[in-house]
Amino acid sequence: MANSDSFGGVVTDQIIAQEIVRTVVATLGLIAAVPLTTALAALTASRTA
């Protein structure tokens, strides 16, 4: 914003866009990890019981 760039120009800058994508991918990975871990634990528990 110090260079009077528009918001769209700042967001689409390569470094900023890369960090946004990195954050989204990491968030999706964390969200997906919980159900996958629960499913594996349930599968393991059902085999031992």
PDB file of N, CA and C in Angstrom:
ATOM      1  N   MET A   1       0.824  -1.194   0.000  1.00  0.00           N
ATOM      2  CA  MET A   1       0.000   0.000   0.000  1.00  0.00           C
ATOM      3  C   MET A   1       0.869   1.259   0.000  1.00  0.00           C
ATOM      4  N   ALA A   2       2.126   1.133   0.436  1.00  0.00           N
ATOM      5  CA  ALA A   2       3.013   2.303   0.469  1.00  0.00           C
ATOM      6  C   ALA A   2       3.310   2.810  -0.933  1.00  0.00           C
ATOM      7  N   ASN A   3       3.254   1.922  -1.935  1.00  0.00           N
ATOM      8  CA  ASN A   3       3.523   2.315  -3.313  1.00  0.00           C
ATOM      9  C   ASN A   3       2.265   2.718  -4.051  1.00  0.00           C
ATOM     10  N   SER A   4       1.158   2.889  -3.351  1.00  0.00           N
ATOM     11  CA  SER A   4      -0.143   3.233  -3.935  1.00  0.00           C
ATOM     12  C   SER A   4      -0.629   2.160  -4.896  1.00  0.00           C
ATOM     13  N   ASP A   5      -0.253   0.900  -4.652  1.00  0.00           N
ATOM     14  CA  ASP A   5      -0.765  -0.201  -5.464  1.00  0.00           C
ATOM     15  C   ASP A   5      -2.192  -0.519  -5.050  1.00  0.00           C
ATOM     16  N   SER A   6      -2.964  -1.030  -5.989  1.00  0.00           N
ATOM     17  CA  SER A   6      -4.332  -1.430  -5.655  1.00  0.00           C
ATOM     18  C   SER A   6      -4.307  -2.718  -4.842  1.00  0.00           C
ATOM     19  N   PHE A   7      -5.408  -2.984  -4.154  1.00  0.00           N
ATOM     20  CA  PHE A   7      -5.493  -4.197  -3.337  1.00  0.00           C
ATOM     21  C   PHE A   7      -5.327  -5.430  -4.215  1.00  0.00           C
ATOM     22  N   GLY A   8      -5.953  -5.452  -5.376  1.00  0.00           N
ATOM     23  CA  GLY A   8      -5.832  -6.587  -6.301  1.00  0.00           C
ATOM     24  C   GLY A   8      -4.402  -6.781  -6.770  1.00  0.00           C
ATOM     25  N   GLY A   9      -3.695  -5.698  -6.987  1.00  0.00           N
ATOM     26  CA  GLY A   9      -2.301  -5.788  -7.401  1.00  0.00           C
ATOM     27  C   GLY A   9      -1.411  -6.346  -6.315  1.00  0.00           C
ATOM     28  N   VAL A  10      -1.701  -5.991  -5.079  1.00  0.00           N
ATOM     29  CA  VAL A  10      -0.915  -6.500  -3.961  1.00  0.00           C
ATOM     30  C   VAL A  10      -1.181  -7.981  -3.752  1.00  0.00           C
ATOM     31  N   VAL A  11      -2.460  -8.381  -3.816  1.00  0.00           N
ATOM     32  CA  VAL A  11      -2.837  -9.779  -3.566  1.00  0.00           C
ATOM     33  C   VAL A  11      -2.307 -10.696  -4.671  1.00  0.00           C
ATOM     34  N   THR A  12      -2.266 -10.221  -5.898  1.00  0.00           N
ATOM     35  CA  THR A  12      -1.800 -11.057  -7.002  1.00  0.00           C
ATOM     36  C   THR A  12      -0.288 -11.011  -7.195  1.00  0.00           C
ATOM     37  N   ASP A  13       0.406 -10.262  -6.382  1.00  0.00           N
ATOM     38  CA  ASP A  13       1.868 -10.277  -6.424  1.00  0.00           C
ATOM     39  C   ASP A  13       2.333 -11.704  -6.136  1.00  0.00           C
ATOM     40  N   GLN A  14       3.369 -12.152  -6.800  1.00  0.00           N
ATOM     41  CA  GLN A  14       3.788 -13.552  -6.731  1.00  0.00           C
ATOM     42  C   GLN A  14       4.079 -14.005  -5.299  1.00  0.00           C
ATOM     43  N   ILE A  15       4.774 -13.224  -4.544  1.00  0.00           N
ATOM     44  CA  ILE A  15       5.143 -13.627  -3.178  1.00  0.00           C
ATOM     45  C   ILE A  15       3.907 -13.715  -2.295  1.00  0.00           C
ATOM     46  N   ILE A  16       3.032 -12.732  -2.375  1.00  0.00           N
ATOM     47  CA  ILE A  16       1.819 -12.726  -1.552  1.00  0.00           C
ATOM     48  C   ILE A  16       0.896 -13.860  -1.981  1.00  0.00           C
ATOM     49  N   ALA A  17       0.710 -14.048  -3.290  1.00  0.00           N
ATOM     50  CA  ALA A  17      -0.152 -15.119  -3.783  1.00  0.00           C
ATOM     51  C   ALA A  17       0.380 -16.485  -3.369  1.00  0.00           C
ATOM     52  N   GLN A  18       1.681 -16.652  -3.389  1.00  0.00           N
ATOM     53  CA  GLN A  18       2.291 -17.919  -2.989  1.00  0.00           C
ATOM     54  C   GLN A  18       2.015 -18.197  -1.510  1.00  0.00           C
ATOM     55  N   GLU A  19       2.107 -17.209  -0.682  1.00  0.00           N
ATOM     56  CA  GLU A  19       1.847 -17.390   0.742  1.00  0.00           C
ATOM     57  C   GLU A  19       0.373 -17.677   1.007  1.00  0.00           C
ATOM     58  N   ILE A  20      -0.520 -17.048   0.248  1.00  0.00           N
ATOM     59  CA  ILE A  20      -1.956 -17.318   0.400  1.00  0.00           C
ATOM     60  C   ILE A  20      -2.255 -18.761   0.029  1.00  0.00           C
ATOM     61  N   VAL A  21      -1.705 -19.226  -1.079  1.00  0.00           N
ATOM     62  CA  VAL A  21      -1.917 -20.616  -1.508  1.00  0.00           C
ATOM     63  C   VAL A  21      -1.316 -21.573  -0.489  1.00  0.00           C
ATOM     64  N   ARG A  22      -0.143 -21.267   0.003  1.00  0.00           N
ATOM     65  CA  ARG A  22       0.511 -22.113   1.006  1.00  0.00           C
ATOM     66  C   ARG A  22      -0.337 -22.236   2.270  1.00  0.00           C
ATOM     67  N   THR A  23      -0.927 -21.123   2.696  1.00  0.00           N
ATOM     68  CA  THR A  23      -1.779 -21.117   3.880  1.00  0.00           C
ATOM     69  C   THR A  23      -3.037 -21.940   3.664  1.00  0.00           C
ATOM     70  N   VAL A  24      -3.660 -21.793   2.495  1.00  0.00           N
ATOM     71  CA  VAL A  24      -4.879 -22.549   2.197  1.00  0.00           C
ATOM     72  C   VAL A  24      -4.586 -24.043   2.148  1.00  0.00           C
ATOM     73  N   VAL A  25      -3.509 -24.436   1.511  1.00  0.00           N
ATOM     74  CA  VAL A  25      -3.150 -25.853   1.413  1.00  0.00           C
ATOM     75  C   VAL A  25      -2.854 -26.432   2.790  1.00  0.00           C
ATOM     76  N   ALA A  26      -2.130 -25.697   3.619  1.00  0.00           N
ATOM     77  CA  ALA A  26      -1.823 -26.175   4.967  1.00  0.00           C
ATOM     78  C   ALA A  26      -3.091 -26.318   5.802  1.00  0.00           C
ATOM     79  N   THR A  27      -4.009 -25.376   5.665  1.00  0.00           N
ATOM     80  CA  THR A  27      -5.271 -25.444   6.395  1.00  0.00           C
ATOM     81  C   THR A  27      -6.080 -26.652   5.965  1.00  0.00           C
ATOM     82  N   LEU A  28      -6.165 -26.896   4.670  1.00  0.00           N
ATOM     83  CA  LEU A  28      -6.896 -28.067   4.176  1.00  0.00           C
ATOM     84  C   LEU A  28      -6.244 -29.360   4.650  1.00  0.00           C
ATOM     85  N   GLY A  29      -4.927 -29.376   4.705  1.00  0.00           N
ATOM     86  CA  GLY A  29      -4.232 -30.554   5.207  1.00  0.00           C
ATOM     87  C   GLY A  29      -4.549 -30.830   6.661  1.00  0.00           C
ATOM     88  N   LEU A  30      -4.589 -29.787   7.472  1.00  0.00           N
ATOM     89  CA  LEU A  30      -4.929 -29.961   8.890  1.00  0.00           C
ATOM     90  C   LEU A  30      -6.369 -30.407   9.066  1.00  0.00           C
ATOM     91  N   ILE A  31      -7.264 -29.837   8.268  1.00  0.00           N
ATOM     92  CA  ILE A  31      -8.681 -30.219   8.358  1.00  0.00           C
ATOM     93  C   ILE A  31      -8.862 -31.671   7.933  1.00  0.00           C
ATOM     94  N   ALA A  32      -8.155 -32.119   6.920  1.00  0.00           N
ATOM     95  CA  ALA A  32      -8.271 -33.495   6.431  1.00  0.00           C
ATOM     96  C   ALA A  32      -7.597 -34.490   7.364  1.00  0.00           C
ATOM     97  N   ALA A  33      -6.607 -34.051   8.128  1.00  0.00           N
ATOM     98  CA  ALA A  33      -5.856 -34.969   8.989  1.00  0.00           C
ATOM     99  C   ALA A  33      -6.710 -35.526  10.120  1.00  0.00           C
ATOM    100  N   VAL A  34      -7.627 -34.741  10.650  1.00  0.00           N
ATOM    101  CA  VAL A  34      -8.434 -35.185  11.786  1.00  0.00           C
ATOM    102  C   VAL A  34      -9.340 -36.354  11.402  1.00  0.00           C
ATOM    103  N   PRO A  35     -10.143 -36.263  10.346  1.00  0.00           N
ATOM    104  CA  PRO A  35     -10.987 -37.411  10.002  1.00  0.00           C
ATOM    105  C   PRO A  35     -10.175 -38.642   9.568  1.00  0.00           C
ATOM    106  N   LEU A  36      -9.068 -38.418   8.886  1.00  0.00           N
ATOM    107  CA  LEU A  36      -8.245 -39.555   8.463  1.00  0.00           C
ATOM    108  C   LEU A  36      -7.645 -40.274   9.662  1.00  0.00           C
ATOM    109  N   THR A  37      -7.166 -39.512  10.625  1.00  0.00           N
ATOM    110  CA  THR A  37      -6.599 -40.111  11.827  1.00  0.00           C
ATOM    111  C   THR A  37      -7.669 -40.844  12.622  1.00  0.00           C
ATOM    112  N   THR A  38      -8.853 -40.259  12.705  1.00  0.00           N
ATOM    113  CA  THR A  38      -9.959 -40.905  13.417  1.00  0.00           C
ATOM    114  C   THR A  38     -10.359 -42.199  12.732  1.00  0.00           C
ATOM    115  N   ALA A  39     -10.410 -42.195  11.415  1.00  0.00           N
ATOM    116  CA  ALA A  39     -10.770 -43.406  10.681  1.00  0.00           C
ATOM    117  C   ALA A  39      -9.731 -44.501  10.875  1.00  0.00           C
ATOM    118  N   LEU A  40      -8.465 -44.139  10.825  1.00  0.00           N
ATOM    119  CA  LEU A  40      -7.411 -45.133  11.050  1.00  0.00           C
ATOM    120  C   LEU A  40      -7.460 -45.686  12.468  1.00  0.00           C
ATOM    121  N   ALA A  41      -7.720 -44.823  13.448  1.00  0.00           N
ATOM    122  CA  ALA A  41      -7.814 -45.273  14.836  1.00  0.00           C
ATOM    123  C   ALA A  41      -9.017 -46.191  15.021  1.00  0.00           C
ATOM    124  N   ALA A  42     -10.131 -45.882  14.406  1.00  0.00           N
ATOM    125  CA  ALA A  42     -11.316 -46.727  14.515  1.00  0.00           C
ATOM    126  C   ALA A  42     -11.079 -48.065  13.848  1.00  0.00           C
ATOM    127  N   LEU A  43     -10.405 -48.053  12.719  1.00  0.00           N
ATOM    128  CA  LEU A  43     -10.099 -49.309  12.022  1.00  0.00           C
ATOM    129  C   LEU A  43      -9.165 -50.168  12.863  1.00  0.00           C
ATOM    130  N   THR A  44      -8.176 -49.557  13.435  1.00  0.00           N
ATOM    131  CA  THR A  44      -7.230 -50.295  14.294  1.00  0.00           C
ATOM    132  C   THR A  44      -7.914 -50.830  15.546  1.00  0.00           C
ATOM    133  N   ALA A  45      -8.764 -50.022  16.150  1.00  0.00           N
ATOM    134  CA  ALA A  45      -9.459 -50.437  17.370  1.00  0.00           C
ATOM    135  C   ALA A  45     -10.442 -51.581  17.086  1.00  0.00           C
ATOM    136  N   SER A  46     -11.089 -51.551  15.931  1.00  0.00           N
ATOM    137  CA  SER A  46     -12.064 -52.601  15.625  1.00  0.00           C
ATOM    138  C   SER A  46     -11.379 -53.923  15.325  1.00  0.00           C
ATOM    139  N   ARG A  47     -10.156 -53.883  14.841  1.00  0.00           N
ATOM    140  CA  ARG A  47      -9.425 -55.108  14.569  1.00  0.00           C
ATOM    141  C   ARG A  47      -8.892 -55.760  15.841  1.00  0.00           C
ATOM    142  N   THR A  48      -8.570 -54.953  16.838  1.00  0.00           N
ATOM    143  CA  THR A  48      -8.002 -55.491  18.083  1.00  0.00           C
ATOM    144  C   THR A  48      -9.085 -55.888  19.073  1.00  0.00           C
ATOM    145  N   ALA A  49     -10.275 -55.382  18.906  1.00  0.00           N
ATOM    146  CA  ALA A  49     -11.348 -55.686  19.879  1.00  0.00           C
ATOM    147  C   ALA A  49     -12.148 -56.903  19.490  1.00  0.00           C
TER     148      ALA A  49
END
